[in-house]
Amino acid sequence: MRKKRRRNKKRLPIFRFVPIALAGYTGWHLSNTLEGIGYGIACYFVLYIGFKIWAKSRKTAKLRKSGIREVDQMSGEDFEYFLGELFKRRGFKVNYTATSGDYGADLILKDGKDIIAVQAKRYSSTVGVKAVQEIIGAVKMYDATEAWVVTNSHFTKQAEKLADINDVYLIDREELIQLILNKK
């Protein structure tokens, strides 16, 4: 006998509909027509979308203004987005990979015919061989012409040696600071 699978239906909490209902009620209250309800709800969605766009632009602006001290406080994911904004400013087309199952690359940069796989490591200690190994594996996966590892820290001697042998470009703390300062 086959077991029935329970579907986990995502239920929207009722409180998500309260602002929409209030917007409709406000439209009704102001015009005493059904059209007023539609206008009230439409105004709500326009304001909601506008607010979301404004909030996202504020986050992007904050990332662009970040210095190395702020970078040291970021999460790994925020560091990836920070680097994405930094490379966009330098003229690259930036694609973000999935947070898991990314095959070793966090960003894919495109500059003309060049495709660059970038591994971002926001560490408080030195970055080892594993980061270089990961990006070497990503080169074939993303059909990249170059591989970079970017960190807010420094690299171990072993990581530098492996990167040198495999033509992986390493960007350490000092070079990252220069990129931040020359981002304009």
N, C-alpha and C. Protein backbone atom coordinates (compact mmCIF):
# COMPACT_ATOMS: atom_id res chain seq x y z
N MET A 1 0.83 -1.17 0.00
CA MET A 1 0.00 0.00 0.00
C MET A 1 0.88 1.24 0.00
N ARG A 2 0.54 2.15 -0.84
CA ARG A 2 1.32 3.37 -1.00
C ARG A 2 0.93 4.41 0.04
N LYS A 3 1.96 5.00 0.60
CA LYS A 3 1.69 6.07 1.57
C LYS A 3 1.43 7.36 0.85
N LYS A 4 0.49 8.08 1.36
CA LYS A 4 0.22 9.40 0.81
C LYS A 4 1.22 10.39 1.37
N ARG A 5 1.76 11.16 0.48
CA ARG A 5 2.70 12.19 0.92
C ARG A 5 1.94 13.43 1.33
N ARG A 6 2.37 13.95 2.42
CA ARG A 6 1.78 15.22 2.85
C ARG A 6 2.50 16.35 2.15
N ARG A 7 1.75 17.19 1.58
CA ARG A 7 2.36 18.37 0.95
C ARG A 7 2.42 19.48 1.98
N ASN A 8 3.59 20.02 2.07
CA ASN A 8 3.75 21.15 2.97
C ASN A 8 3.39 22.42 2.22
N LYS A 9 2.17 22.78 2.35
CA LYS A 9 1.74 24.01 1.71
C LYS A 9 2.20 25.18 2.56
N LYS A 10 2.85 26.08 1.91
CA LYS A 10 3.28 27.26 2.63
C LYS A 10 2.08 28.18 2.77
N ARG A 11 1.70 28.38 3.97
CA ARG A 11 0.57 29.25 4.24
C ARG A 11 1.07 30.65 4.55
N LEU A 12 0.47 31.59 3.90
CA LEU A 12 0.83 32.97 4.18
C LEU A 12 0.15 33.39 5.47
N PRO A 13 0.89 33.94 6.38
CA PRO A 13 0.26 34.41 7.61
C PRO A 13 -0.79 35.47 7.30
N ILE A 14 -1.82 35.48 8.09
CA ILE A 14 -2.94 36.39 7.87
C ILE A 14 -2.50 37.85 7.96
N PHE A 15 -1.47 38.10 8.77
CA PHE A 15 -1.06 39.50 8.93
C PHE A 15 -0.48 40.10 7.65
N ARG A 16 -0.11 39.29 6.68
CA ARG A 16 0.37 39.83 5.41
C ARG A 16 -0.76 40.46 4.60
N PHE A 17 -1.97 40.02 4.87
CA PHE A 17 -3.12 40.56 4.14
C PHE A 17 -3.72 41.78 4.82
N VAL A 18 -3.34 42.03 6.06
CA VAL A 18 -3.90 43.17 6.80
C VAL A 18 -3.59 44.50 6.12
N PRO A 19 -2.33 44.77 5.70
CA PRO A 19 -2.08 46.05 5.03
C PRO A 19 -2.88 46.21 3.73
N ILE A 20 -3.06 45.13 3.01
CA ILE A 20 -3.84 45.19 1.77
C ILE A 20 -5.29 45.53 2.09
N ALA A 21 -5.82 44.86 3.13
CA ALA A 21 -7.20 45.13 3.54
C ALA A 21 -7.35 46.57 4.02
N LEU A 22 -6.36 47.06 4.75
CA LEU A 22 -6.41 48.45 5.21
C LEU A 22 -6.36 49.43 4.04
N ALA A 23 -5.54 49.11 3.05
CA ALA A 23 -5.46 49.97 1.87
C ALA A 23 -6.80 49.99 1.14
N GLY A 24 -7.42 48.82 1.00
CA GLY A 24 -8.75 48.76 0.37
C GLY A 24 -9.79 49.51 1.16
N TYR A 25 -9.75 49.36 2.48
CA TYR A 25 -10.71 50.07 3.33
C TYR A 25 -10.52 51.58 3.22
N THR A 26 -9.25 52.02 3.19
CA THR A 26 -8.97 53.45 3.05
C THR A 26 -9.52 53.97 1.73
N GLY A 27 -9.32 53.20 0.66
CA GLY A 27 -9.88 53.59 -0.64
C GLY A 27 -11.40 53.67 -0.60
N TRP A 28 -12.03 52.72 0.05
CA TRP A 28 -13.50 52.73 0.20
C TRP A 28 -13.94 53.93 1.03
N HIS A 29 -13.23 54.17 2.12
CA HIS A 29 -13.59 55.26 3.04
C HIS A 29 -13.49 56.63 2.35
N LEU A 30 -12.47 56.79 1.50
CA LEU A 30 -12.28 58.08 0.84
C LEU A 30 -13.24 58.30 -0.32
N SER A 31 -13.66 57.21 -1.01
CA SER A 31 -14.47 57.41 -2.21
C SER A 31 -15.85 56.78 -2.15
N ASN A 32 -16.07 55.87 -1.22
CA ASN A 32 -17.34 55.13 -1.11
C ASN A 32 -17.69 54.41 -2.41
N THR A 33 -16.67 53.92 -3.14
CA THR A 33 -16.91 53.15 -4.37
C THR A 33 -15.99 51.94 -4.40
N LEU A 34 -16.36 50.97 -5.23
CA LEU A 34 -15.49 49.81 -5.41
C LEU A 34 -14.19 50.19 -6.13
N GLU A 35 -14.28 51.21 -6.98
CA GLU A 35 -13.07 51.71 -7.65
C GLU A 35 -12.07 52.22 -6.62
N GLY A 36 -12.57 52.85 -5.60
CA GLY A 36 -11.71 53.37 -4.54
C GLY A 36 -10.92 52.26 -3.86
N ILE A 37 -11.58 51.10 -3.67
CA ILE A 37 -10.87 49.96 -3.08
C ILE A 37 -9.71 49.54 -3.97
N GLY A 38 -9.98 49.45 -5.28
CA GLY A 38 -8.93 49.08 -6.23
C GLY A 38 -7.79 50.08 -6.24
N TYR A 39 -8.14 51.37 -6.22
CA TYR A 39 -7.10 52.41 -6.18
C TYR A 39 -6.28 52.34 -4.89
N GLY A 40 -6.95 52.08 -3.78
CA GLY A 40 -6.24 51.97 -2.50
C GLY A 40 -5.25 50.82 -2.50
N ILE A 41 -5.70 49.66 -3.01
CA ILE A 41 -4.82 48.50 -3.07
C ILE A 41 -3.68 48.73 -4.06
N ALA A 42 -3.97 49.35 -5.20
CA ALA A 42 -2.93 49.65 -6.19
C ALA A 42 -1.89 50.60 -5.60
N CYS A 43 -2.35 51.62 -4.88
CA CYS A 43 -1.41 52.56 -4.24
C CYS A 43 -0.53 51.84 -3.22
N TYR A 44 -1.13 50.90 -2.48
CA TYR A 44 -0.35 50.13 -1.51
C TYR A 44 0.78 49.38 -2.22
N PHE A 45 0.48 48.69 -3.31
CA PHE A 45 1.50 47.91 -4.00
C PHE A 45 2.57 48.80 -4.62
N VAL A 46 2.19 49.95 -5.14
CA VAL A 46 3.18 50.89 -5.69
C VAL A 46 4.12 51.36 -4.58
N LEU A 47 3.56 51.71 -3.43
CA LEU A 47 4.40 52.15 -2.31
C LEU A 47 5.27 51.01 -1.79
N TYR A 48 4.72 49.81 -1.73
CA TYR A 48 5.46 48.65 -1.25
C TYR A 48 6.65 48.35 -2.16
N ILE A 49 6.43 48.34 -3.47
CA ILE A 49 7.51 48.07 -4.42
C ILE A 49 8.54 49.19 -4.38
N GLY A 50 8.08 50.42 -4.28
CA GLY A 50 9.00 51.55 -4.16
C GLY A 50 9.88 51.44 -2.93
N PHE A 51 9.29 51.03 -1.82
CA PHE A 51 10.06 50.87 -0.59
C PHE A 51 11.09 49.76 -0.73
N LYS A 52 10.72 48.65 -1.35
CA LYS A 52 11.66 47.54 -1.54
C LYS A 52 12.84 47.96 -2.41
N ILE A 53 12.56 48.70 -3.48
CA ILE A 53 13.63 49.19 -4.36
C ILE A 53 14.54 50.15 -3.60
N TRP A 54 13.95 51.05 -2.83
CA TRP A 54 14.73 52.01 -2.03
C TRP A 54 15.62 51.28 -1.03
N ALA A 55 15.06 50.28 -0.33
CA ALA A 55 15.84 49.55 0.68
C ALA A 55 17.01 48.81 0.03
N LYS A 56 16.78 48.21 -1.13
CA LYS A 56 17.86 47.50 -1.82
C LYS A 56 18.95 48.46 -2.29
N SER A 57 18.54 49.64 -2.78
CA SER A 57 19.54 50.60 -3.23
C SER A 57 20.35 51.14 -2.06
N ARG A 58 19.75 51.25 -0.90
CA ARG A 58 20.49 51.70 0.30
C ARG A 58 21.54 50.67 0.69
N LYS A 59 21.16 49.38 0.62
CA LYS A 59 22.10 48.32 0.96
C LYS A 59 23.27 48.32 -0.02
N THR A 60 22.97 48.48 -1.31
CA THR A 60 24.01 48.52 -2.33
C THR A 60 24.92 49.72 -2.10
N ALA A 61 24.35 50.88 -1.78
CA ALA A 61 25.16 52.07 -1.52
C ALA A 61 26.05 51.87 -0.31
N LYS A 62 25.52 51.22 0.72
CA LYS A 62 26.32 50.96 1.91
C LYS A 62 27.49 50.03 1.58
N LEU A 63 27.23 49.01 0.76
CA LEU A 63 28.31 48.10 0.38
C LEU A 63 29.38 48.83 -0.42
N ARG A 64 28.96 49.75 -1.30
CA ARG A 64 29.93 50.48 -2.11
C ARG A 64 30.82 51.39 -1.27
N LYS A 65 30.28 51.91 -0.17
CA LYS A 65 31.05 52.83 0.66
C LYS A 65 31.92 52.11 1.69
N SER A 66 31.78 50.82 1.78
CA SER A 66 32.51 50.06 2.80
C SER A 66 34.01 50.15 2.59
N GLY A 67 34.71 50.21 3.70
CA GLY A 67 36.16 50.17 3.69
C GLY A 67 36.61 48.82 4.23
N ILE A 68 37.90 48.67 4.42
CA ILE A 68 38.44 47.38 4.85
C ILE A 68 37.96 47.02 6.25
N ARG A 69 37.76 48.00 7.13
CA ARG A 69 37.26 47.69 8.48
C ARG A 69 35.85 47.11 8.42
N GLU A 70 35.04 47.66 7.54
CA GLU A 70 33.69 47.14 7.38
C GLU A 70 33.72 45.75 6.74
N VAL A 71 34.66 45.55 5.81
CA VAL A 71 34.81 44.24 5.17
C VAL A 71 35.14 43.18 6.22
N ASP A 72 36.00 43.53 7.17
CA ASP A 72 36.38 42.59 8.21
C ASP A 72 35.19 42.16 9.08
N GLN A 73 34.15 42.96 9.12
CA GLN A 73 32.97 42.66 9.93
C GLN A 73 31.86 41.97 9.14
N MET A 74 32.00 41.89 7.82
CA MET A 74 30.95 41.32 6.96
C MET A 74 30.85 39.81 7.12
N SER A 75 29.69 39.29 6.75
CA SER A 75 29.55 37.83 6.61
C SER A 75 30.17 37.44 5.27
N GLY A 76 30.35 36.16 5.07
CA GLY A 76 30.91 35.69 3.80
C GLY A 76 30.05 36.08 2.62
N GLU A 77 28.73 35.97 2.78
CA GLU A 77 27.81 36.31 1.69
C GLU A 77 27.83 37.81 1.38
N ASP A 78 27.88 38.64 2.43
CA ASP A 78 27.98 40.09 2.21
C ASP A 78 29.28 40.44 1.51
N PHE A 79 30.36 39.73 1.85
CA PHE A 79 31.65 39.96 1.21
C PHE A 79 31.57 39.66 -0.29
N GLU A 80 30.85 38.59 -0.64
CA GLU A 80 30.67 38.25 -2.06
C GLU A 80 29.94 39.37 -2.78
N TYR A 81 28.87 39.89 -2.18
CA TYR A 81 28.11 40.97 -2.82
C TYR A 81 28.94 42.26 -2.88
N PHE A 82 29.74 42.50 -1.85
CA PHE A 82 30.63 43.65 -1.85
C PHE A 82 31.61 43.55 -3.02
N LEU A 83 32.21 42.38 -3.19
CA LEU A 83 33.14 42.20 -4.31
C LEU A 83 32.42 42.35 -5.65
N GLY A 84 31.19 41.84 -5.72
CA GLY A 84 30.41 41.99 -6.95
C GLY A 84 30.23 43.46 -7.31
N GLU A 85 29.86 44.27 -6.33
CA GLU A 85 29.70 45.71 -6.57
C GLU A 85 31.03 46.37 -6.94
N LEU A 86 32.10 45.94 -6.28
CA LEU A 86 33.43 46.48 -6.56
C LEU A 86 33.84 46.17 -8.01
N PHE A 87 33.61 44.95 -8.45
CA PHE A 87 33.99 44.56 -9.81
C PHE A 87 33.05 45.17 -10.85
N LYS A 88 31.78 45.38 -10.51
CA LYS A 88 30.87 46.08 -11.43
C LYS A 88 31.38 47.47 -11.70
N ARG A 89 31.84 48.13 -10.64
CA ARG A 89 32.39 49.49 -10.78
C ARG A 89 33.64 49.51 -11.66
N ARG A 90 34.33 48.40 -11.73
CA ARG A 90 35.53 48.31 -12.55
C ARG A 90 35.23 47.84 -13.97
N GLY A 91 33.94 47.70 -14.30
CA GLY A 91 33.54 47.41 -15.67
C GLY A 91 33.24 45.95 -15.99
N PHE A 92 33.27 45.09 -14.99
CA PHE A 92 32.97 43.68 -15.23
C PHE A 92 31.46 43.44 -15.18
N LYS A 93 31.02 42.44 -15.92
CA LYS A 93 29.65 41.94 -15.78
C LYS A 93 29.73 40.84 -14.74
N VAL A 94 28.94 40.93 -13.68
CA VAL A 94 29.06 40.04 -12.54
C VAL A 94 27.86 39.10 -12.45
N ASN A 95 28.14 37.81 -12.29
CA ASN A 95 27.11 36.81 -12.00
C ASN A 95 27.48 36.14 -10.69
N TYR A 96 26.48 35.99 -9.81
CA TYR A 96 26.69 35.32 -8.53
C TYR A 96 26.30 33.86 -8.67
N THR A 97 27.08 32.96 -8.09
CA THR A 97 26.74 31.54 -8.12
C THR A 97 25.88 31.23 -6.91
N ALA A 98 25.32 30.03 -6.88
CA ALA A 98 24.52 29.61 -5.73
C ALA A 98 25.40 29.55 -4.49
N THR A 99 24.79 29.76 -3.33
CA THR A 99 25.59 29.75 -2.10
C THR A 99 26.10 28.37 -1.75
N SER A 100 25.39 27.32 -2.17
CA SER A 100 25.91 25.97 -1.98
C SER A 100 25.91 25.27 -3.33
N GLY A 101 26.84 24.36 -3.50
CA GLY A 101 26.95 23.67 -4.78
C GLY A 101 27.47 24.57 -5.88
N ASP A 102 28.38 25.49 -5.53
CA ASP A 102 28.88 26.47 -6.50
C ASP A 102 30.13 26.00 -7.23
N TYR A 103 30.58 24.77 -6.96
CA TYR A 103 31.74 24.18 -7.61
C TYR A 103 33.02 24.99 -7.38
N GLY A 104 33.07 25.76 -6.31
CA GLY A 104 34.29 26.46 -5.95
C GLY A 104 34.37 27.91 -6.37
N ALA A 105 33.39 28.41 -7.10
CA ALA A 105 33.41 29.82 -7.52
C ALA A 105 32.23 30.55 -6.88
N ASP A 106 32.49 31.75 -6.38
CA ASP A 106 31.43 32.56 -5.79
C ASP A 106 30.90 33.60 -6.78
N LEU A 107 31.79 34.08 -7.64
CA LEU A 107 31.43 35.08 -8.64
C LEU A 107 31.98 34.64 -10.00
N ILE A 108 31.25 34.97 -11.04
CA ILE A 108 31.74 34.79 -12.39
C ILE A 108 31.76 36.17 -13.03
N LEU A 109 32.96 36.61 -13.39
CA LEU A 109 33.13 37.93 -14.00
C LEU A 109 33.30 37.76 -15.50
N LYS A 110 32.69 38.65 -16.25
CA LYS A 110 32.86 38.62 -17.70
C LYS A 110 33.37 39.99 -18.14
N ASP A 111 34.40 39.94 -18.97
CA ASP A 111 35.01 41.14 -19.50
C ASP A 111 35.39 40.84 -20.95
N GLY A 112 34.46 41.16 -21.86
CA GLY A 112 34.69 40.81 -23.26
C GLY A 112 34.62 39.30 -23.41
N LYS A 113 35.69 38.72 -23.92
CA LYS A 113 35.72 37.26 -24.11
C LYS A 113 36.25 36.53 -22.87
N ASP A 114 36.81 37.26 -21.93
CA ASP A 114 37.36 36.64 -20.73
C ASP A 114 36.26 36.31 -19.73
N ILE A 115 36.35 35.11 -19.17
CA ILE A 115 35.46 34.67 -18.10
C ILE A 115 36.36 34.36 -16.91
N ILE A 116 36.09 35.01 -15.79
CA ILE A 116 36.93 34.87 -14.61
C ILE A 116 36.11 34.27 -13.48
N ALA A 117 36.56 33.13 -12.96
CA ALA A 117 35.94 32.51 -11.80
C ALA A 117 36.62 33.07 -10.55
N VAL A 118 35.81 33.55 -9.60
CA VAL A 118 36.36 34.20 -8.40
C VAL A 118 35.88 33.45 -7.17
N GLN A 119 36.83 33.12 -6.31
CA GLN A 119 36.53 32.55 -5.00
C GLN A 119 36.75 33.65 -3.98
N ALA A 120 35.72 33.97 -3.19
CA ALA A 120 35.81 35.03 -2.18
C ALA A 120 35.98 34.40 -0.80
N LYS A 121 37.01 34.82 -0.08
CA LYS A 121 37.26 34.29 1.26
C LYS A 121 37.42 35.45 2.23
N ARG A 122 36.40 35.67 3.05
CA ARG A 122 36.50 36.68 4.10
C ARG A 122 36.89 35.95 5.38
N TYR A 123 38.18 36.01 5.69
CA TYR A 123 38.74 35.27 6.82
C TYR A 123 39.39 36.21 7.81
N SER A 124 39.50 35.72 9.05
CA SER A 124 40.27 36.47 10.04
C SER A 124 41.67 35.88 10.17
N SER A 125 41.87 34.68 9.61
CA SER A 125 43.20 34.07 9.59
C SER A 125 43.65 33.90 8.13
N THR A 126 44.80 33.29 7.93
CA THR A 126 45.32 33.15 6.56
C THR A 126 44.50 32.13 5.77
N VAL A 127 44.50 32.33 4.47
CA VAL A 127 43.77 31.47 3.55
C VAL A 127 44.72 30.40 3.03
N GLY A 128 44.30 29.15 3.12
CA GLY A 128 45.16 28.04 2.77
C GLY A 128 44.94 27.49 1.37
N VAL A 129 45.52 26.32 1.14
CA VAL A 129 45.54 25.66 -0.16
C VAL A 129 44.13 25.32 -0.64
N LYS A 130 43.23 25.01 0.28
CA LYS A 130 41.88 24.56 -0.10
C LYS A 130 41.16 25.57 -1.00
N ALA A 131 41.31 26.85 -0.72
CA ALA A 131 40.66 27.88 -1.54
C ALA A 131 41.20 27.84 -2.98
N VAL A 132 42.48 27.65 -3.12
CA VAL A 132 43.09 27.59 -4.46
C VAL A 132 42.63 26.32 -5.18
N GLN A 133 42.57 25.20 -4.45
CA GLN A 133 42.09 23.95 -5.04
C GLN A 133 40.65 24.08 -5.53
N GLU A 134 39.81 24.74 -4.73
CA GLU A 134 38.41 24.92 -5.11
C GLU A 134 38.27 25.72 -6.40
N ILE A 135 39.03 26.79 -6.53
CA ILE A 135 38.88 27.64 -7.71
C ILE A 135 39.47 26.95 -8.94
N ILE A 136 40.49 26.11 -8.76
CA ILE A 136 41.04 25.35 -9.89
C ILE A 136 39.96 24.42 -10.44
N GLY A 137 39.19 23.81 -9.56
CA GLY A 137 38.10 22.95 -9.99
C GLY A 137 36.99 23.71 -10.69
N ALA A 138 36.78 24.96 -10.31
CA ALA A 138 35.71 25.76 -10.89
C ALA A 138 36.03 26.24 -12.31
N VAL A 139 37.29 26.31 -12.65
CA VAL A 139 37.69 26.83 -13.97
C VAL A 139 37.04 26.04 -15.09
N LYS A 140 37.14 24.73 -15.04
CA LYS A 140 36.53 23.90 -16.09
C LYS A 140 35.02 23.92 -16.02
N MET A 141 34.47 23.94 -14.81
CA MET A 141 33.02 23.91 -14.63
C MET A 141 32.36 25.12 -15.29
N TYR A 142 32.97 26.28 -15.14
CA TYR A 142 32.39 27.52 -15.67
C TYR A 142 33.03 27.95 -16.98
N ASP A 143 33.88 27.11 -17.55
CA ASP A 143 34.57 27.40 -18.80
C ASP A 143 35.30 28.74 -18.71
N ALA A 144 35.96 28.95 -17.57
CA ALA A 144 36.63 30.21 -17.29
C ALA A 144 38.01 30.26 -17.94
N THR A 145 38.43 31.46 -18.27
CA THR A 145 39.76 31.67 -18.82
C THR A 145 40.76 32.05 -17.74
N GLU A 146 40.26 32.51 -16.60
CA GLU A 146 41.11 32.90 -15.48
C GLU A 146 40.46 32.47 -14.18
N ALA A 147 41.29 32.35 -13.13
CA ALA A 147 40.81 32.03 -11.79
C ALA A 147 41.43 32.99 -10.79
N TRP A 148 40.61 33.55 -9.91
CA TRP A 148 41.07 34.48 -8.88
C TRP A 148 40.58 34.01 -7.52
N VAL A 149 41.38 34.26 -6.51
CA VAL A 149 40.95 34.10 -5.12
C VAL A 149 41.17 35.44 -4.45
N VAL A 150 40.10 35.98 -3.85
CA VAL A 150 40.16 37.29 -3.22
C VAL A 150 39.89 37.12 -1.73
N THR A 151 40.72 37.73 -0.90
CA THR A 151 40.53 37.65 0.54
C THR A 151 40.80 39.00 1.20
N ASN A 152 40.26 39.16 2.39
CA ASN A 152 40.55 40.33 3.20
C ASN A 152 41.74 40.04 4.12
N SER A 153 42.33 38.88 3.96
CA SER A 153 43.43 38.43 4.80
C SER A 153 44.68 38.20 3.94
N HIS A 154 45.45 37.20 4.27
CA HIS A 154 46.66 36.85 3.53
C HIS A 154 46.63 35.37 3.18
N PHE A 155 47.54 34.94 2.32
CA PHE A 155 47.60 33.56 1.88
C PHE A 155 48.80 32.85 2.50
N THR A 156 48.66 31.55 2.71
CA THR A 156 49.79 30.76 3.19
C THR A 156 50.79 30.58 2.04
N LYS A 157 52.01 30.22 2.38
CA LYS A 157 53.04 29.99 1.36
C LYS A 157 52.63 28.84 0.43
N GLN A 158 52.00 27.80 1.00
CA GLN A 158 51.56 26.67 0.18
C GLN A 158 50.49 27.11 -0.81
N ALA A 159 49.57 27.96 -0.38
CA ALA A 159 48.52 28.46 -1.28
C ALA A 159 49.15 29.29 -2.40
N GLU A 160 50.14 30.12 -2.05
CA GLU A 160 50.81 30.93 -3.07
C GLU A 160 51.55 30.05 -4.08
N LYS A 161 52.18 28.99 -3.60
CA LYS A 161 52.91 28.09 -4.49
C LYS A 161 51.95 27.37 -5.44
N LEU A 162 50.84 26.82 -4.91
CA LEU A 162 49.87 26.13 -5.75
C LEU A 162 49.23 27.09 -6.75
N ALA A 163 48.96 28.32 -6.32
CA ALA A 163 48.38 29.32 -7.22
C ALA A 163 49.36 29.66 -8.34
N ASP A 164 50.62 29.77 -8.01
CA ASP A 164 51.63 30.09 -9.01
C ASP A 164 51.73 28.99 -10.07
N ILE A 165 51.72 27.76 -9.63
CA ILE A 165 51.82 26.62 -10.56
C ILE A 165 50.60 26.55 -11.48
N ASN A 166 49.43 26.91 -10.97
CA ASN A 166 48.18 26.77 -11.72
C ASN A 166 47.64 28.09 -12.30
N ASP A 167 48.46 29.12 -12.32
CA ASP A 167 48.08 30.43 -12.87
C ASP A 167 46.81 30.99 -12.23
N VAL A 168 46.70 30.86 -10.92
CA VAL A 168 45.59 31.44 -10.18
C VAL A 168 46.06 32.78 -9.63
N TYR A 169 45.27 33.83 -9.87
CA TYR A 169 45.63 35.17 -9.41
C TYR A 169 45.10 35.36 -8.00
N LEU A 170 46.00 35.70 -7.07
CA LEU A 170 45.62 35.90 -5.67
C LEU A 170 45.56 37.38 -5.34
N ILE A 171 44.46 37.80 -4.74
CA ILE A 171 44.29 39.19 -4.30
C ILE A 171 44.20 39.14 -2.79
N ASP A 172 45.25 39.64 -2.12
CA ASP A 172 45.27 39.62 -0.66
C ASP A 172 44.81 40.96 -0.09
N ARG A 173 44.95 41.12 1.20
CA ARG A 173 44.44 42.30 1.91
C ARG A 173 44.94 43.61 1.32
N GLU A 174 46.25 43.70 1.07
CA GLU A 174 46.82 44.95 0.57
C GLU A 174 46.27 45.30 -0.82
N GLU A 175 46.18 44.30 -1.68
CA GLU A 175 45.67 44.57 -3.02
C GLU A 175 44.17 44.88 -2.99
N LEU A 176 43.44 44.22 -2.07
CA LEU A 176 42.01 44.51 -1.91
C LEU A 176 41.81 45.96 -1.46
N ILE A 177 42.65 46.42 -0.54
CA ILE A 177 42.57 47.82 -0.10
C ILE A 177 42.79 48.75 -1.28
N GLN A 178 43.77 48.43 -2.14
CA GLN A 178 44.01 49.25 -3.32
C GLN A 178 42.82 49.24 -4.26
N LEU A 179 42.18 48.08 -4.43
CA LEU A 179 40.97 48.01 -5.28
C LEU A 179 39.86 48.88 -4.69
N ILE A 180 39.70 48.84 -3.37
CA ILE A 180 38.66 49.64 -2.72
C ILE A 180 38.94 51.12 -2.91
N LEU A 181 40.19 51.51 -2.71
CA LEU A 181 40.55 52.93 -2.81
C LEU A 181 40.46 53.43 -4.25
N ASN A 182 40.73 52.58 -5.22
CA ASN A 182 40.72 52.97 -6.63
C ASN A 182 39.46 52.55 -7.35
N LYS A 183 38.37 52.33 -6.61
CA LYS A 183 37.16 51.79 -7.23
C LYS A 183 36.43 52.78 -8.10
N LYS A 184 36.77 54.04 -8.01
CA LYS A 184 36.01 55.05 -8.76
C LYS A 184 36.51 55.24 -10.15
